[in-house]
Amino acid sequence: MATLTPKMLVDRIWNERLRLVTFFVVGISSLGLNLGLYALLSRVIWPAGPRTLENAIVVVIVTAANFEANRHFTFAKQRSVGAVFRFGMVAVFAMALNSLLFWIGHAVLGMYDLLVIIMVTAVIAFFTFASHRLFTFHDHPWRHVRRLRRRDSQDGPPLQ
């Protein structure tokens, strides 16, 4: 099994620099759209609504726009049913995590809702980039899963 050295990690990040910059630009645009739609919904259209639900509604809308932007600009892949399905899987998990973190930040900790959105977006960005790069827009997305299974089977039975 090959180990990942710090130099290998830096080389991988350097090779991904254009994708990372594009992902960052798309992410900042999505954050602006998220904040704008959330402010419109929570402050103008439905001011008495539950903030967590309002955030979840906006996240669904922004996620659809984010898919198209990342597919077109960041990962430059043709749309396929598999990519849409995999994006949906990642998006559902990311939305659940987003809603949970928003609820914790706003409802439990009492933080200002727009600040929570910015903080949660920063956390979710790392997860979504890695997921989309290695899974959603990857030519062989299940390769990593098969590799892990092979490695586990070579290591022998799991310890009890």
Protein backbone atom coordinates (compact mmCIF):
# COMPACT_ATOMS: atom_id res chain seq x y z
CA MET A 1 0.00 0.00 0.00
CA ALA A 2 1.45 3.36 -1.04
CA THR A 3 1.60 6.08 1.58
CA LEU A 4 0.72 9.67 0.85
CA THR A 5 3.70 11.91 1.61
CA PRO A 6 3.41 15.68 2.11
CA LYS A 7 5.17 16.23 -1.24
CA MET A 8 2.67 13.95 -3.01
CA LEU A 9 -0.19 15.87 -1.40
CA VAL A 10 1.26 19.23 -2.51
CA ASP A 11 1.77 17.85 -6.03
CA ARG A 12 -1.85 16.66 -6.19
CA ILE A 13 -3.14 20.01 -4.99
CA TRP A 14 -0.90 21.84 -7.50
CA ASN A 15 -2.23 19.63 -10.32
CA GLU A 16 -5.77 20.48 -9.25
CA ARG A 17 -5.18 24.25 -8.95
CA LEU A 18 -7.33 25.30 -11.91
CA ARG A 19 -10.23 23.16 -10.71
CA LEU A 20 -9.81 24.49 -7.18
CA VAL A 21 -9.86 28.12 -8.37
CA THR A 22 -12.89 27.50 -10.58
CA PHE A 23 -14.63 25.62 -7.77
CA PHE A 24 -13.88 28.56 -5.45
CA VAL A 25 -15.37 31.07 -7.94
CA VAL A 26 -18.47 28.91 -8.44
CA GLY A 27 -18.70 28.47 -4.67
CA ILE A 28 -18.47 32.21 -3.96
CA SER A 29 -21.15 32.81 -6.61
CA SER A 30 -23.31 30.11 -5.02
CA LEU A 31 -22.77 31.65 -1.60
CA GLY A 32 -23.91 35.02 -2.95
CA LEU A 33 -26.98 33.41 -4.51
CA ASN A 34 -27.62 31.51 -1.27
CA LEU A 35 -27.40 34.62 0.90
CA GLY A 36 -29.48 36.70 -1.51
CA LEU A 37 -32.27 34.14 -1.86
CA TYR A 38 -32.25 33.41 1.87
CA ALA A 39 -32.47 37.12 2.72
CA LEU A 40 -35.29 37.56 0.20
CA LEU A 41 -37.22 34.56 1.52
CA SER A 42 -36.61 35.10 5.24
CA ARG A 43 -36.82 38.89 5.35
CA VAL A 44 -39.36 39.75 2.61
CA ILE A 45 -41.43 36.80 1.39
CA TRP A 46 -41.81 34.74 4.58
CA PRO A 47 -40.44 36.72 7.56
CA ALA A 48 -42.29 34.61 10.14
CA GLY A 49 -41.19 31.29 8.66
CA PRO A 50 -38.90 28.81 10.41
CA ARG A 51 -35.33 29.76 9.51
CA THR A 52 -34.08 26.18 9.17
CA LEU A 53 -36.83 25.34 6.66
CA GLU A 54 -36.20 28.57 4.75
CA ASN A 55 -32.50 27.72 4.58
CA ALA A 56 -33.28 24.19 3.36
CA ILE A 57 -35.54 25.52 0.58
CA VAL A 58 -32.83 27.92 -0.58
CA VAL A 59 -30.16 25.20 -0.43
CA VAL A 60 -32.21 23.01 -2.79
CA ILE A 61 -32.48 25.84 -5.33
CA VAL A 62 -28.82 26.80 -5.06
CA THR A 63 -27.74 23.15 -5.31
CA ALA A 64 -29.40 22.80 -8.73
CA ALA A 65 -27.60 25.93 -9.97
CA ASN A 66 -24.37 24.70 -8.40
CA PHE A 67 -24.58 21.38 -10.27
CA GLU A 68 -24.87 23.10 -13.62
CA ALA A 69 -22.09 25.57 -12.87
CA ASN A 70 -19.69 22.91 -11.60
CA ARG A 71 -20.51 20.52 -14.42
CA HIS A 72 -19.93 23.20 -17.02
CA PHE A 73 -17.03 25.21 -15.59
CA THR A 74 -15.19 23.21 -12.93
CA PHE A 75 -15.24 19.61 -14.07
CA ALA A 76 -16.14 20.13 -17.78
CA LYS A 77 -17.97 16.85 -18.17
CA GLN A 78 -20.97 16.04 -20.27
CA ARG A 79 -24.17 15.54 -18.33
CA SER A 80 -24.91 11.89 -17.81
CA VAL A 81 -27.60 10.16 -15.83
CA GLY A 82 -24.87 8.69 -13.62
CA ALA A 83 -23.37 12.10 -12.85
CA VAL A 84 -26.79 13.55 -12.05
CA PHE A 85 -27.56 10.59 -9.77
CA ARG A 86 -24.17 10.81 -8.04
CA PHE A 87 -24.51 14.58 -7.67
CA GLY A 88 -27.91 13.97 -6.11
CA MET A 89 -26.42 11.52 -3.63
CA VAL A 90 -23.69 13.98 -2.62
CA ALA A 91 -26.17 16.88 -2.57
CA VAL A 92 -28.64 15.08 -0.31
CA PHE A 93 -25.89 14.25 2.17
CA ALA A 94 -24.46 17.79 1.94
CA MET A 95 -27.93 19.35 2.38
CA ALA A 96 -28.61 17.21 5.43
CA LEU A 97 -25.24 18.17 6.89
CA ASN A 98 -25.87 21.82 5.94
CA SER A 99 -29.28 21.84 7.63
CA LEU A 100 -27.91 20.13 10.73
CA LEU A 101 -25.03 22.57 11.06
CA PHE A 102 -27.33 25.54 10.38
CA TRP A 103 -29.76 24.34 13.05
CA ILE A 104 -26.93 23.85 15.56
CA GLY A 105 -25.43 27.26 14.81
CA HIS A 106 -28.66 29.26 14.68
CA ALA A 107 -31.20 27.45 16.87
CA VAL A 108 -28.93 25.82 19.44
CA LEU A 109 -26.04 28.28 19.70
CA GLY A 110 -28.10 31.37 18.85
CA MET A 111 -25.71 32.70 16.22
CA TYR A 112 -26.80 35.23 13.59
CA ASP A 113 -28.34 33.27 10.69
CA LEU A 114 -26.41 34.90 7.82
CA LEU A 115 -23.10 34.34 9.64
CA VAL A 116 -24.02 30.69 10.18
CA ILE A 117 -24.69 30.28 6.45
CA ILE A 118 -21.22 31.62 5.61
CA MET A 119 -19.52 29.37 8.17
CA VAL A 120 -21.46 26.26 7.15
CA THR A 121 -20.76 26.93 3.47
CA ALA A 122 -17.03 26.98 4.19
CA VAL A 123 -17.22 23.59 5.91
CA ILE A 124 -19.42 22.02 3.24
CA ALA A 125 -17.16 23.29 0.42
CA PHE A 126 -14.32 20.92 1.38
CA PHE A 127 -16.65 17.92 1.48
CA THR A 128 -18.37 18.74 -1.81
CA PHE A 129 -15.18 19.44 -3.77
CA ALA A 130 -13.64 16.12 -2.78
CA SER A 131 -16.90 14.27 -3.38
CA HIS A 132 -17.50 15.80 -6.79
CA ARG A 133 -13.90 15.38 -7.89
CA LEU A 134 -13.59 11.75 -6.80
CA PHE A 135 -17.17 10.59 -7.28
CA THR A 136 -19.69 12.78 -9.09
CA PHE A 137 -17.66 13.93 -12.09
CA HIS A 138 -15.16 11.07 -12.16
CA ASP A 139 -14.84 8.74 -15.17
CA HIS A 140 -14.69 5.69 -12.88
CA PRO A 141 -16.43 6.80 -9.67
CA TRP A 142 -16.74 3.38 -8.08
CA ARG A 143 -13.01 2.62 -8.53
CA HIS A 144 -12.22 4.01 -5.07
CA VAL A 145 -14.82 1.77 -3.43
CA ARG A 146 -13.50 -1.33 -5.24
CA ARG A 147 -9.93 -0.41 -4.24
CA LEU A 148 -10.95 -0.14 -0.58
CA ARG A 149 -12.72 -3.50 -0.76
CA ARG A 150 -9.64 -5.15 -2.27
CA ARG A 151 -7.41 -3.62 0.39
CA ASP A 152 -9.75 -4.81 3.16
CA SER A 153 -9.90 -8.34 1.77
CA GLN A 154 -6.09 -8.48 1.56
CA ASP A 155 -5.73 -7.39 5.17
CA GLY A 156 -7.66 -10.38 6.40
CA PRO A 157 -10.75 -10.56 8.55
CA PRO A 158 -11.64 -7.49 10.62
CA LEU A 159 -10.54 -7.47 14.24
CA GLN A 160 -13.24 -8.16 16.82
